[in-house]
Amino acid sequence: MVSTWAQSPVLICAICLIIFTAGLLWSEVGQDARLKFVFKPLASLSFIGLALACGALYNFYGYFILAGLAFCALGDVFLLPSGTGKYFRAGVSAFLIGHIFYILASIALWSPDVLRSQIILGLPFLICLLVPVYQRIYPRADAQTDVYTGVIILMITAMLLCAVKTGIWILPTAAIMFAVSDIFVSRNRFGPPSPKQFWMITPLYFTAQGLFAYSVSYA
């Protein structure tokens, strides 16, 4: 007889996410492009399935999270080819939209006592903290890349701040992991590429998306 846990769609999606993420990491470190094109979309579909299994279609927060996950999955597909050309820019654009939906999801959970003044004061403070970090870590490329970097800094900062204001631990945890993975993705694309960086990028990114997906169960 199959146990209740084994029949749980949440557990099944979570296990699939872990397995496909591990397969993706193995293919990236081993530089096997064919397996990467298999495991990455499967891992992305797994975190979307996890959100649906957690009830993403039952409230506005779930809708926003599901939209964010969908755009991040689209970004994953665009970033499959190497390089910094049109597919990379399309991928970054998809991730930026995903960040916006995560911001909207956090705002949907705010309690009435969260004031706009807190955001107005907190956003410049976090930007002042993060800009030196990004200037240190992000390698400089062309002018267009610098514009993308500036927008990414703004979106990540807003996402972190809005997640903290929800009072739910899982959201800022996911946002921080997502932000760190963003940094290493850019270093790998614009700096000297190294398979070792995937040990940071892949586990952090897919764990973050899994936490965003699972956070639907808290709403």
N, C-alpha and C. Protein backbone atom coordinates (compact mmCIF):
# COMPACT_ATOMS: atom_id res chain seq x y z
N MET A 1 0.84 -1.21 0.00
CA MET A 1 0.00 0.00 0.00
C MET A 1 0.87 1.25 0.00
N VAL A 2 0.55 2.21 -0.88
CA VAL A 2 1.33 3.44 -1.00
C VAL A 2 0.94 4.38 0.14
N SER A 3 1.94 4.95 0.81
CA SER A 3 1.67 5.84 1.94
C SER A 3 1.06 7.15 1.47
N THR A 4 0.44 7.87 2.44
CA THR A 4 -0.16 9.18 2.13
C THR A 4 0.89 10.16 1.64
N TRP A 5 2.09 10.12 2.28
CA TRP A 5 3.15 11.04 1.87
C TRP A 5 3.58 10.78 0.43
N ALA A 6 3.65 9.53 0.06
CA ALA A 6 4.07 9.21 -1.30
C ALA A 6 3.06 9.66 -2.32
N GLN A 7 1.79 9.80 -1.90
CA GLN A 7 0.75 10.23 -2.81
C GLN A 7 0.64 11.76 -2.87
N SER A 8 1.36 12.47 -2.02
CA SER A 8 1.25 13.92 -1.94
C SER A 8 1.87 14.58 -3.17
N PRO A 9 1.11 15.39 -3.91
CA PRO A 9 1.70 16.10 -5.04
C PRO A 9 2.82 17.05 -4.62
N VAL A 10 2.69 17.64 -3.42
CA VAL A 10 3.73 18.54 -2.93
C VAL A 10 5.05 17.80 -2.77
N LEU A 11 4.98 16.63 -2.14
CA LEU A 11 6.19 15.84 -1.92
C LEU A 11 6.77 15.35 -3.24
N ILE A 12 5.91 14.92 -4.14
CA ILE A 12 6.38 14.44 -5.44
C ILE A 12 7.10 15.54 -6.21
N CYS A 13 6.51 16.74 -6.23
CA CYS A 13 7.14 17.87 -6.94
C CYS A 13 8.45 18.27 -6.28
N ALA A 14 8.48 18.24 -4.93
CA ALA A 14 9.70 18.59 -4.21
C ALA A 14 10.82 17.59 -4.52
N ILE A 15 10.49 16.31 -4.54
CA ILE A 15 11.49 15.28 -4.85
C ILE A 15 11.99 15.44 -6.29
N CYS A 16 11.06 15.69 -7.21
CA CYS A 16 11.45 15.93 -8.61
C CYS A 16 12.39 17.12 -8.73
N LEU A 17 12.08 18.19 -7.99
CA LEU A 17 12.92 19.38 -8.02
C LEU A 17 14.33 19.06 -7.54
N ILE A 18 14.44 18.30 -6.47
CA ILE A 18 15.75 17.93 -5.93
C ILE A 18 16.52 17.06 -6.93
N ILE A 19 15.84 16.07 -7.50
CA ILE A 19 16.50 15.15 -8.43
C ILE A 19 16.96 15.88 -9.69
N PHE A 20 16.08 16.68 -10.28
CA PHE A 20 16.44 17.38 -11.52
C PHE A 20 17.49 18.46 -11.28
N THR A 21 17.45 19.10 -10.11
CA THR A 21 18.49 20.08 -9.79
C THR A 21 19.84 19.41 -9.64
N ALA A 22 19.85 18.26 -8.98
CA ALA A 22 21.10 17.50 -8.85
C ALA A 22 21.62 17.06 -10.22
N GLY A 23 20.71 16.62 -11.10
CA GLY A 23 21.11 16.24 -12.44
C GLY A 23 21.65 17.41 -13.23
N LEU A 24 21.01 18.57 -13.06
CA LEU A 24 21.48 19.78 -13.75
C LEU A 24 22.86 20.17 -13.25
N LEU A 25 23.07 20.14 -11.94
CA LEU A 25 24.38 20.49 -11.39
C LEU A 25 25.46 19.55 -11.91
N TRP A 26 25.14 18.28 -11.96
CA TRP A 26 26.09 17.28 -12.48
C TRP A 26 26.44 17.57 -13.94
N SER A 27 25.44 17.94 -14.74
CA SER A 27 25.69 18.22 -16.15
C SER A 27 26.47 19.52 -16.34
N GLU A 28 26.22 20.52 -15.47
CA GLU A 28 26.95 21.79 -15.58
C GLU A 28 28.40 21.65 -15.16
N VAL A 29 28.63 20.97 -14.05
CA VAL A 29 30.01 20.77 -13.61
C VAL A 29 30.77 19.90 -14.60
N GLY A 30 30.07 18.91 -15.16
CA GLY A 30 30.69 18.04 -16.16
C GLY A 30 30.68 18.62 -17.56
N GLN A 31 30.09 19.82 -17.72
CA GLN A 31 30.02 20.53 -19.00
C GLN A 31 29.38 19.67 -20.09
N ASP A 32 28.28 19.03 -19.72
CA ASP A 32 27.51 18.23 -20.67
C ASP A 32 26.29 19.04 -21.10
N ALA A 33 26.39 19.71 -22.25
CA ALA A 33 25.34 20.62 -22.71
C ALA A 33 24.04 19.89 -23.00
N ARG A 34 24.12 18.68 -23.50
CA ARG A 34 22.90 17.95 -23.86
C ARG A 34 22.05 17.65 -22.63
N LEU A 35 22.69 17.16 -21.57
CA LEU A 35 21.95 16.88 -20.34
C LEU A 35 21.44 18.16 -19.68
N LYS A 36 22.20 19.23 -19.82
CA LYS A 36 21.77 20.52 -19.27
C LYS A 36 20.46 20.97 -19.90
N PHE A 37 20.32 20.76 -21.22
CA PHE A 37 19.09 21.14 -21.92
C PHE A 37 17.92 20.25 -21.50
N VAL A 38 18.20 19.12 -20.90
CA VAL A 38 17.15 18.24 -20.41
C VAL A 38 16.77 18.57 -18.97
N PHE A 39 17.77 18.66 -18.09
CA PHE A 39 17.50 18.79 -16.66
C PHE A 39 17.01 20.18 -16.26
N LYS A 40 17.49 21.23 -16.93
CA LYS A 40 17.11 22.57 -16.50
C LYS A 40 15.63 22.85 -16.70
N PRO A 41 15.06 22.57 -17.89
CA PRO A 41 13.61 22.77 -18.03
C PRO A 41 12.80 21.89 -17.09
N LEU A 42 13.26 20.66 -16.83
CA LEU A 42 12.54 19.78 -15.93
C LEU A 42 12.56 20.32 -14.50
N ALA A 43 13.70 20.85 -14.07
CA ALA A 43 13.78 21.44 -12.74
C ALA A 43 12.87 22.66 -12.63
N SER A 44 12.82 23.46 -13.70
CA SER A 44 11.96 24.65 -13.70
C SER A 44 10.48 24.27 -13.65
N LEU A 45 10.11 23.25 -14.41
CA LEU A 45 8.73 22.77 -14.37
C LEU A 45 8.38 22.22 -12.99
N SER A 46 9.38 21.67 -12.30
CA SER A 46 9.13 21.10 -10.97
C SER A 46 8.75 22.18 -9.97
N PHE A 47 9.43 23.35 -10.00
CA PHE A 47 9.05 24.37 -9.02
C PHE A 47 7.71 25.02 -9.37
N ILE A 48 7.36 25.04 -10.65
CA ILE A 48 6.02 25.51 -11.01
C ILE A 48 4.98 24.51 -10.51
N GLY A 49 5.25 23.22 -10.71
CA GLY A 49 4.34 22.20 -10.21
C GLY A 49 4.20 22.24 -8.70
N LEU A 50 5.30 22.55 -8.00
CA LEU A 50 5.26 22.65 -6.54
C LEU A 50 4.33 23.77 -6.10
N ALA A 51 4.41 24.91 -6.78
CA ALA A 51 3.53 26.04 -6.44
C ALA A 51 2.07 25.67 -6.67
N LEU A 52 1.79 25.00 -7.77
CA LEU A 52 0.41 24.59 -8.05
C LEU A 52 -0.08 23.59 -7.00
N ALA A 53 0.80 22.67 -6.60
CA ALA A 53 0.43 21.68 -5.60
C ALA A 53 0.18 22.32 -4.24
N CYS A 54 0.84 23.45 -3.98
CA CYS A 54 0.68 24.15 -2.70
C CYS A 54 -0.54 25.07 -2.69
N GLY A 55 -1.22 25.19 -3.84
CA GLY A 55 -2.45 26.00 -3.88
C GLY A 55 -2.27 27.38 -4.46
N ALA A 56 -1.41 27.51 -5.49
CA ALA A 56 -1.14 28.83 -6.07
C ALA A 56 -2.34 29.46 -6.76
N LEU A 57 -3.34 28.68 -7.06
CA LEU A 57 -4.49 29.20 -7.81
C LEU A 57 -5.65 29.63 -6.90
N TYR A 58 -5.37 29.72 -5.59
CA TYR A 58 -6.46 30.00 -4.65
C TYR A 58 -6.46 31.42 -4.08
N ASN A 59 -5.44 32.22 -4.36
CA ASN A 59 -5.42 33.60 -3.85
C ASN A 59 -4.49 34.46 -4.71
N PHE A 60 -4.55 35.78 -4.49
CA PHE A 60 -3.73 36.69 -5.28
C PHE A 60 -2.24 36.47 -5.06
N TYR A 61 -1.86 36.18 -3.82
CA TYR A 61 -0.46 35.90 -3.54
C TYR A 61 0.03 34.73 -4.40
N GLY A 62 -0.75 33.68 -4.45
CA GLY A 62 -0.39 32.52 -5.27
C GLY A 62 -0.27 32.86 -6.74
N TYR A 63 -1.19 33.70 -7.23
CA TYR A 63 -1.13 34.11 -8.65
C TYR A 63 0.19 34.84 -8.94
N PHE A 64 0.56 35.77 -8.03
CA PHE A 64 1.79 36.54 -8.25
C PHE A 64 3.02 35.63 -8.20
N ILE A 65 3.05 34.72 -7.22
CA ILE A 65 4.18 33.79 -7.12
C ILE A 65 4.26 32.90 -8.36
N LEU A 66 3.13 32.40 -8.79
CA LEU A 66 3.10 31.52 -9.97
C LEU A 66 3.59 32.27 -11.20
N ALA A 67 3.17 33.53 -11.35
CA ALA A 67 3.64 34.33 -12.49
C ALA A 67 5.14 34.55 -12.41
N GLY A 68 5.64 34.85 -11.20
CA GLY A 68 7.08 35.03 -11.03
C GLY A 68 7.85 33.77 -11.37
N LEU A 69 7.36 32.64 -10.93
CA LEU A 69 8.01 31.37 -11.23
C LEU A 69 8.00 31.08 -12.73
N ALA A 70 6.88 31.40 -13.38
CA ALA A 70 6.76 31.14 -14.82
C ALA A 70 7.78 31.97 -15.60
N PHE A 71 7.93 33.25 -15.23
CA PHE A 71 8.90 34.09 -15.94
C PHE A 71 10.33 33.67 -15.63
N CYS A 72 10.59 33.21 -14.41
CA CYS A 72 11.92 32.70 -14.09
C CYS A 72 12.21 31.43 -14.87
N ALA A 73 11.20 30.57 -15.03
CA ALA A 73 11.38 29.36 -15.84
C ALA A 73 11.67 29.73 -17.29
N LEU A 74 10.99 30.77 -17.78
CA LEU A 74 11.26 31.24 -19.14
C LEU A 74 12.68 31.77 -19.24
N GLY A 75 13.11 32.50 -18.20
CA GLY A 75 14.49 32.97 -18.18
C GLY A 75 15.48 31.83 -18.18
N ASP A 76 15.15 30.74 -17.48
CA ASP A 76 16.03 29.57 -17.47
C ASP A 76 16.24 29.03 -18.88
N VAL A 77 15.18 28.99 -19.64
CA VAL A 77 15.27 28.48 -21.01
C VAL A 77 16.12 29.40 -21.87
N PHE A 78 15.91 30.72 -21.75
CA PHE A 78 16.70 31.67 -22.55
C PHE A 78 18.19 31.64 -22.18
N LEU A 79 18.50 31.30 -20.93
CA LEU A 79 19.90 31.30 -20.49
C LEU A 79 20.62 29.98 -20.77
N LEU A 80 19.91 29.03 -21.38
CA LEU A 80 20.56 27.76 -21.72
C LEU A 80 21.75 27.94 -22.66
N PRO A 81 21.63 28.75 -23.74
CA PRO A 81 22.82 28.99 -24.57
C PRO A 81 23.85 29.82 -23.81
N SER A 82 25.11 29.59 -24.07
CA SER A 82 26.16 30.36 -23.43
C SER A 82 26.31 31.72 -24.11
N GLY A 83 27.07 32.60 -23.48
CA GLY A 83 27.31 33.92 -24.06
C GLY A 83 26.44 34.99 -23.45
N THR A 84 26.58 36.23 -23.98
CA THR A 84 25.85 37.39 -23.45
C THR A 84 25.08 38.11 -24.55
N GLY A 85 24.62 37.36 -25.54
CA GLY A 85 23.90 37.95 -26.67
C GLY A 85 22.43 38.14 -26.40
N LYS A 86 21.63 38.01 -27.46
CA LYS A 86 20.20 38.32 -27.37
C LYS A 86 19.46 37.36 -26.44
N TYR A 87 19.90 36.10 -26.40
CA TYR A 87 19.21 35.15 -25.51
C TYR A 87 19.50 35.48 -24.05
N PHE A 88 20.71 35.93 -23.77
CA PHE A 88 21.03 36.33 -22.41
C PHE A 88 20.19 37.53 -21.99
N ARG A 89 20.07 38.51 -22.88
CA ARG A 89 19.27 39.70 -22.56
C ARG A 89 17.80 39.33 -22.39
N ALA A 90 17.32 38.42 -23.22
CA ALA A 90 15.93 37.97 -23.08
C ALA A 90 15.74 37.26 -21.74
N GLY A 91 16.73 36.46 -21.36
CA GLY A 91 16.65 35.77 -20.08
C GLY A 91 16.66 36.71 -18.91
N VAL A 92 17.55 37.72 -18.96
CA VAL A 92 17.61 38.71 -17.88
C VAL A 92 16.29 39.48 -17.79
N SER A 93 15.72 39.83 -18.94
CA SER A 93 14.44 40.54 -18.95
C SER A 93 13.34 39.70 -18.32
N ALA A 94 13.33 38.41 -18.61
CA ALA A 94 12.33 37.52 -18.02
C ALA A 94 12.51 37.45 -16.51
N PHE A 95 13.76 37.39 -16.04
CA PHE A 95 14.02 37.36 -14.61
C PHE A 95 13.60 38.67 -13.93
N LEU A 96 13.82 39.78 -14.61
CA LEU A 96 13.40 41.06 -14.04
C LEU A 96 11.88 41.11 -13.84
N ILE A 97 11.15 40.60 -14.81
CA ILE A 97 9.69 40.53 -14.67
C ILE A 97 9.32 39.59 -13.52
N GLY A 98 10.07 38.49 -13.41
CA GLY A 98 9.85 37.58 -12.29
C GLY A 98 10.06 38.27 -10.95
N HIS A 99 11.10 39.11 -10.85
CA HIS A 99 11.35 39.88 -9.63
C HIS A 99 10.15 40.78 -9.31
N ILE A 100 9.61 41.41 -10.34
CA ILE A 100 8.47 42.32 -10.13
C ILE A 100 7.28 41.56 -9.54
N PHE A 101 7.03 40.37 -10.07
CA PHE A 101 5.90 39.59 -9.54
C PHE A 101 6.17 39.12 -8.10
N TYR A 102 7.42 38.83 -7.77
CA TYR A 102 7.74 38.48 -6.38
C TYR A 102 7.54 39.68 -5.46
N ILE A 103 7.86 40.87 -5.96
CA ILE A 103 7.61 42.09 -5.18
C ILE A 103 6.12 42.26 -4.93
N LEU A 104 5.32 42.09 -5.98
CA LEU A 104 3.87 42.21 -5.84
C LEU A 104 3.31 41.16 -4.88
N ALA A 105 3.88 39.97 -4.92
CA ALA A 105 3.44 38.91 -4.01
C ALA A 105 3.71 39.30 -2.56
N SER A 106 4.88 39.86 -2.30
CA SER A 106 5.21 40.29 -0.94
C SER A 106 4.26 41.39 -0.47
N ILE A 107 4.00 42.35 -1.36
CA ILE A 107 3.10 43.45 -1.00
C ILE A 107 1.71 42.93 -0.68
N ALA A 108 1.30 41.87 -1.38
CA ALA A 108 -0.03 41.30 -1.13
C ALA A 108 -0.16 40.73 0.28
N LEU A 109 0.97 40.45 0.93
CA LEU A 109 0.94 39.89 2.28
C LEU A 109 1.16 40.94 3.37
N TRP A 110 1.42 42.17 2.96
CA TRP A 110 1.70 43.20 3.97
C TRP A 110 0.49 43.41 4.88
N SER A 111 0.78 43.63 6.13
CA SER A 111 -0.27 43.99 7.08
C SER A 111 -0.58 45.47 6.96
N PRO A 112 -1.74 45.92 7.42
CA PRO A 112 -2.14 47.32 7.27
C PRO A 112 -1.19 48.32 7.93
N ASP A 113 -0.39 47.87 8.91
CA ASP A 113 0.47 48.82 9.62
C ASP A 113 1.81 49.06 8.92
N VAL A 114 2.02 48.43 7.74
CA VAL A 114 3.23 48.70 6.97
C VAL A 114 3.04 50.03 6.24
N LEU A 115 3.88 50.99 6.53
CA LEU A 115 3.73 52.34 5.98
C LEU A 115 4.62 52.53 4.76
N ARG A 116 4.16 53.41 3.87
CA ARG A 116 4.97 53.72 2.69
C ARG A 116 6.29 54.35 3.08
N SER A 117 6.28 55.11 4.15
CA SER A 117 7.50 55.78 4.58
C SER A 117 8.61 54.78 4.88
N GLN A 118 8.23 53.58 5.37
CA GLN A 118 9.23 52.57 5.65
C GLN A 118 9.93 52.13 4.37
N ILE A 119 9.15 51.99 3.29
CA ILE A 119 9.73 51.60 2.00
C ILE A 119 10.57 52.73 1.43
N ILE A 120 10.07 53.96 1.53
CA ILE A 120 10.79 55.11 0.99
C ILE A 120 12.13 55.27 1.68
N LEU A 121 12.16 55.03 2.99
CA LEU A 121 13.41 55.14 3.74
C LEU A 121 14.28 53.91 3.59
N GLY A 122 13.66 52.75 3.51
CA GLY A 122 14.43 51.51 3.49
C GLY A 122 15.09 51.23 2.15
N LEU A 123 14.43 51.58 1.04
CA LEU A 123 14.98 51.29 -0.28
C LEU A 123 16.32 51.97 -0.53
N PRO A 124 16.44 53.31 -0.30
CA PRO A 124 17.76 53.94 -0.49
C PRO A 124 18.83 53.35 0.42
N PHE A 125 18.43 52.98 1.64
CA PHE A 125 19.40 52.40 2.58
C PHE A 125 19.97 51.09 2.05
N LEU A 126 19.08 50.21 1.55
CA LEU A 126 19.54 48.93 1.02
C LEU A 126 20.36 49.11 -0.25
N ILE A 127 19.97 50.09 -1.08
CA ILE A 127 20.73 50.35 -2.30
C ILE A 127 22.15 50.79 -1.95
N CYS A 128 22.28 51.66 -0.95
CA CYS A 128 23.60 52.11 -0.51
C CYS A 128 24.46 50.95 -0.03
N LEU A 129 23.82 49.94 0.56
CA LEU A 129 24.56 48.77 1.02
C LEU A 129 24.94 47.84 -0.14
N LEU A 130 24.01 47.68 -1.09
CA LEU A 130 24.20 46.68 -2.14
C LEU A 130 25.04 47.17 -3.31
N VAL A 131 24.97 48.46 -3.65
CA VAL A 131 25.69 48.96 -4.83
C VAL A 131 27.20 48.70 -4.72
N PRO A 132 27.85 49.03 -3.58
CA PRO A 132 29.28 48.72 -3.50
C PRO A 132 29.58 47.23 -3.66
N VAL A 133 28.68 46.39 -3.11
CA VAL A 133 28.87 44.94 -3.25
C VAL A 133 28.81 44.53 -4.71
N TYR A 134 27.81 45.04 -5.43
CA TYR A 134 27.65 44.68 -6.83
C TYR A 134 28.78 45.25 -7.70
N GLN A 135 29.23 46.47 -7.36
CA GLN A 135 30.34 47.04 -8.11
C GLN A 135 31.61 46.23 -7.92
N ARG A 136 31.72 45.62 -6.77
CA ARG A 136 32.88 44.79 -6.47
C ARG A 136 32.80 43.44 -7.17
N ILE A 137 31.60 42.89 -7.23
CA ILE A 137 31.43 41.52 -7.71
C ILE A 137 31.13 41.46 -9.20
N TYR A 138 30.28 42.39 -9.70
CA TYR A 138 29.91 42.36 -11.10
C TYR A 138 31.09 42.87 -11.93
N PRO A 139 31.61 42.08 -12.86
CA PRO A 139 32.61 42.59 -13.77
C PRO A 139 31.97 43.60 -14.72
N ARG A 140 32.70 44.64 -15.07
CA ARG A 140 32.16 45.66 -15.99
C ARG A 140 32.23 45.12 -17.41
N ALA A 141 31.15 45.33 -18.14
CA ALA A 141 31.13 44.92 -19.55
C ALA A 141 30.88 46.17 -20.39
N ASP A 142 29.87 46.16 -21.26
CA ASP A 142 29.56 47.32 -22.06
C ASP A 142 28.53 48.19 -21.36
N ALA A 143 28.20 49.32 -22.01
CA ALA A 143 27.27 50.28 -21.40
C ALA A 143 25.89 49.67 -21.22
N GLN A 144 25.43 48.88 -22.19
CA GLN A 144 24.11 48.26 -22.09
C GLN A 144 24.05 47.29 -20.91
N THR A 145 25.15 46.58 -20.70
CA THR A 145 25.20 45.66 -19.57
C THR A 145 25.14 46.42 -18.26
N ASP A 146 25.78 47.59 -18.20
CA ASP A 146 25.74 48.40 -16.99
C ASP A 146 24.31 48.85 -16.68
N VAL A 147 23.53 49.13 -17.72
CA VAL A 147 22.13 49.51 -17.52
C VAL A 147 21.36 48.32 -16.93
N TYR A 148 21.57 47.14 -17.52
CA TYR A 148 20.93 45.94 -17.00
C TYR A 148 21.31 45.72 -15.53
N THR A 149 22.60 45.92 -15.23
CA THR A 149 23.07 45.73 -13.86
C THR A 149 22.38 46.68 -12.90
N GLY A 150 22.23 47.94 -13.33
CA GLY A 150 21.56 48.92 -12.48
C GLY A 150 20.11 48.55 -12.19
N VAL A 151 19.41 48.09 -13.23
CA VAL A 151 18.01 47.69 -13.04
C VAL A 151 17.92 46.45 -12.15
N ILE A 152 18.86 45.52 -12.34
CA ILE A 152 18.87 44.32 -11.51
C ILE A 152 19.08 44.69 -10.04
N ILE A 153 20.00 45.61 -9.77
CA ILE A 153 20.26 46.05 -8.40
C ILE A 153 18.99 46.60 -7.78
N LEU A 154 18.28 47.44 -8.55
CA LEU A 154 17.05 48.05 -8.04
C LEU A 154 15.99 47.00 -7.75
N MET A 155 15.80 46.07 -8.67
CA MET A 155 14.76 45.04 -8.50
C MET A 155 15.09 44.10 -7.34
N ILE A 156 16.35 43.69 -7.26
CA ILE A 156 16.74 42.79 -6.17
C ILE A 156 16.59 43.47 -4.82
N THR A 157 17.00 44.74 -4.76
CA THR A 157 16.88 45.50 -3.52
C THR A 157 15.43 45.62 -3.10
N ALA A 158 14.57 45.96 -4.05
CA ALA A 158 13.14 46.08 -3.74
C ALA A 158 12.56 44.74 -3.32
N MET A 159 12.98 43.67 -4.00
CA MET A 159 12.48 42.34 -3.66
C MET A 159 12.88 41.95 -2.23
N LEU A 160 14.13 42.21 -1.87
CA LEU A 160 14.60 41.90 -0.52
C LEU A 160 13.84 42.68 0.54
N LEU A 161 13.69 43.98 0.28
CA LEU A 161 13.01 44.84 1.26
C LEU A 161 11.55 44.44 1.43
N CYS A 162 10.87 44.21 0.32
CA CYS A 162 9.45 43.85 0.39
C CYS A 162 9.26 42.49 1.06
N ALA A 163 10.19 41.55 0.82
CA ALA A 163 10.09 40.23 1.43
C ALA A 163 10.25 40.32 2.94
N VAL A 164 11.18 41.16 3.40
CA VAL A 164 11.39 41.31 4.84
C VAL A 164 10.16 41.86 5.52
N LYS A 165 9.46 42.76 4.84
CA LYS A 165 8.29 43.41 5.44
C LYS A 165 7.10 42.48 5.60
N THR A 166 7.15 41.30 5.00
CA THR A 166 6.03 40.36 5.14
C THR A 166 6.01 39.70 6.52
N GLY A 167 7.17 39.60 7.14
CA GLY A 167 7.24 38.92 8.43
C GLY A 167 7.24 37.41 8.32
N ILE A 168 7.29 36.87 7.12
CA ILE A 168 7.34 35.42 6.89
C ILE A 168 8.78 35.05 6.53
N TRP A 169 9.42 34.24 7.33
CA TRP A 169 10.85 33.95 7.19
C TRP A 169 11.21 33.36 5.83
N ILE A 170 10.31 32.59 5.25
CA ILE A 170 10.64 31.87 4.02
C ILE A 170 10.86 32.82 2.84
N LEU A 171 10.20 33.97 2.84
CA LEU A 171 10.33 34.90 1.71
C LEU A 171 11.68 35.61 1.68
N PRO A 172 12.12 36.25 2.77
CA PRO A 172 13.45 36.86 2.71
C PRO A 172 14.57 35.83 2.50
N THR A 173 14.39 34.62 3.02
CA THR A 173 15.38 33.57 2.79
C THR A 173 15.49 33.25 1.31
N ALA A 174 14.34 33.09 0.65
CA ALA A 174 14.33 32.82 -0.79
C ALA A 174 14.90 33.99 -1.57
N ALA A 175 14.54 35.22 -1.15
CA ALA A 175 15.01 36.41 -1.87
C ALA A 175 16.53 36.55 -1.77
N ILE A 176 17.10 36.28 -0.60
CA ILE A 176 18.54 36.38 -0.43
C ILE A 176 19.26 35.34 -1.28
N MET A 177 18.74 34.12 -1.28
CA MET A 177 19.36 33.06 -2.08
C MET A 177 19.28 33.38 -3.57
N PHE A 178 18.15 33.94 -4.00
CA PHE A 178 17.97 34.34 -5.40
C PHE A 178 18.97 35.44 -5.75
N ALA A 179 19.14 36.42 -4.86
CA ALA A 179 20.06 37.53 -5.11
C ALA A 179 21.50 37.04 -5.23
N VAL A 180 21.91 36.15 -4.35
CA VAL A 180 23.29 35.63 -4.40
C VAL A 180 23.52 34.83 -5.68
N SER A 181 22.52 34.06 -6.09
CA SER A 181 22.67 33.30 -7.33
C SER A 181 22.77 34.24 -8.53
N ASP A 182 22.03 35.36 -8.49
CA ASP A 182 22.13 36.37 -9.56
C ASP A 182 23.56 36.87 -9.70
N ILE A 183 24.20 37.12 -8.57
CA ILE A 183 25.57 37.63 -8.58
C ILE A 183 26.50 36.64 -9.26
N PHE A 184 26.39 35.38 -8.90
CA PHE A 184 27.30 34.39 -9.46
C PHE A 184 27.00 34.11 -10.93
N VAL A 185 25.73 34.23 -11.34
CA VAL A 185 25.40 34.08 -12.76
C VAL A 185 26.11 35.14 -13.58
N SER A 186 26.06 36.39 -13.10
CA SER A 186 26.70 37.49 -13.82
C SER A 186 28.22 37.32 -13.84
N ARG A 187 28.79 36.89 -12.74
CA ARG A 187 30.23 36.66 -12.72
C ARG A 187 30.62 35.57 -13.72
N ASN A 188 29.79 34.55 -13.83
CA ASN A 188 30.10 33.45 -14.74
C ASN A 188 29.95 33.86 -16.19
N ARG A 189 29.03 34.81 -16.46
CA ARG A 189 28.80 35.24 -17.84
C ARG A 189 29.80 36.29 -18.28
N PHE A 190 30.12 37.25 -17.40
CA PHE A 190 30.96 38.38 -17.78
C PHE A 190 32.40 38.25 -17.33
N GLY A 191 32.64 37.39 -16.35
CA GLY A 191 34.01 37.15 -15.90
C GLY A 191 34.54 35.87 -16.48
N PRO A 192 35.67 35.40 -15.97
CA PRO A 192 36.20 34.12 -16.44
C PRO A 192 35.25 32.98 -16.06
N PRO A 193 34.69 32.27 -17.03
CA PRO A 193 33.74 31.19 -16.71
C PRO A 193 34.43 30.04 -15.99
N SER A 194 33.73 29.47 -15.03
CA SER A 194 34.28 28.35 -14.28
C SER A 194 33.15 27.42 -13.88
N PRO A 195 33.27 26.12 -14.18
CA PRO A 195 32.23 25.16 -13.77
C PRO A 195 32.02 25.14 -12.26
N LYS A 196 33.06 25.54 -11.49
CA LYS A 196 32.94 25.53 -10.03
C LYS A 196 31.88 26.50 -9.53
N GLN A 197 31.63 27.57 -10.29
CA GLN A 197 30.64 28.55 -9.85
C GLN A 197 29.23 27.99 -9.85
N PHE A 198 29.01 26.93 -10.62
CA PHE A 198 27.68 26.32 -10.64
C PHE A 198 27.34 25.67 -9.30
N TRP A 199 28.37 25.36 -8.49
CA TRP A 199 28.11 24.82 -7.15
C TRP A 199 27.39 25.85 -6.28
N MET A 200 27.55 27.13 -6.62
CA MET A 200 26.84 28.19 -5.91
C MET A 200 25.54 28.56 -6.64
N ILE A 201 25.61 28.67 -7.96
CA ILE A 201 24.47 29.16 -8.74
C ILE A 201 23.27 28.22 -8.66
N THR A 202 23.48 26.98 -9.05
CA THR A 202 22.36 26.05 -9.23
C THR A 202 21.64 25.69 -7.93
N PRO A 203 22.35 25.25 -6.87
CA PRO A 203 21.62 24.93 -5.63
C PRO A 203 20.91 26.13 -5.03
N LEU A 204 21.57 27.31 -5.04
CA LEU A 204 20.95 28.50 -4.46
C LEU A 204 19.72 28.92 -5.25
N TYR A 205 19.85 28.95 -6.57
CA TYR A 205 18.74 29.43 -7.40
C TYR A 205 17.52 28.51 -7.29
N PHE A 206 17.72 27.23 -7.46
CA PHE A 206 16.55 26.33 -7.47
C PHE A 206 15.98 26.12 -6.08
N THR A 207 16.82 26.22 -5.05
CA THR A 207 16.28 26.20 -3.69
C THR A 207 15.43 27.44 -3.44
N ALA A 208 15.90 28.59 -3.93
CA ALA A 208 15.13 29.83 -3.79
C ALA A 208 13.77 29.72 -4.47
N GLN A 209 13.76 29.20 -5.69
CA GLN A 209 12.49 29.07 -6.41
C GLN A 209 11.58 28.06 -5.71
N GLY A 210 12.18 26.99 -5.17
CA GLY A 210 11.38 26.03 -4.42
C GLY A 210 10.76 26.65 -3.18
N LEU A 211 11.51 27.52 -2.50
CA LEU A 211 10.97 28.20 -1.32
C LEU A 211 9.87 29.18 -1.70
N PHE A 212 10.06 29.92 -2.79
CA PHE A 212 8.99 30.81 -3.27
C PHE A 212 7.73 30.00 -3.55
N ALA A 213 7.92 28.87 -4.21
CA ALA A 213 6.77 28.01 -4.54
C ALA A 213 6.08 27.50 -3.28
N TYR A 214 6.88 27.03 -2.33
CA TYR A 214 6.31 26.46 -1.10
C TYR A 214 5.67 27.53 -0.22
N SER A 215 6.13 28.78 -0.37
CA SER A 215 5.57 29.86 0.46
C SER A 215 4.08 30.06 0.21
N VAL A 216 3.59 29.55 -0.92
CA VAL A 216 2.15 29.67 -1.22
C VAL A 216 1.34 29.00 -0.12
N SER A 217 1.87 27.96 0.49
CA SER A 217 1.14 27.25 1.53
C SER A 217 1.02 28.08 2.81
N TYR A 218 1.80 29.16 2.92
CA TYR A 218 1.74 30.03 4.09
C TYR A 218 0.69 31.13 3.92
N ALA A 219 0.27 31.38 2.69
CA ALA A 219 -0.63 32.51 2.42
C ALA A 219 -2.06 32.17 2.82
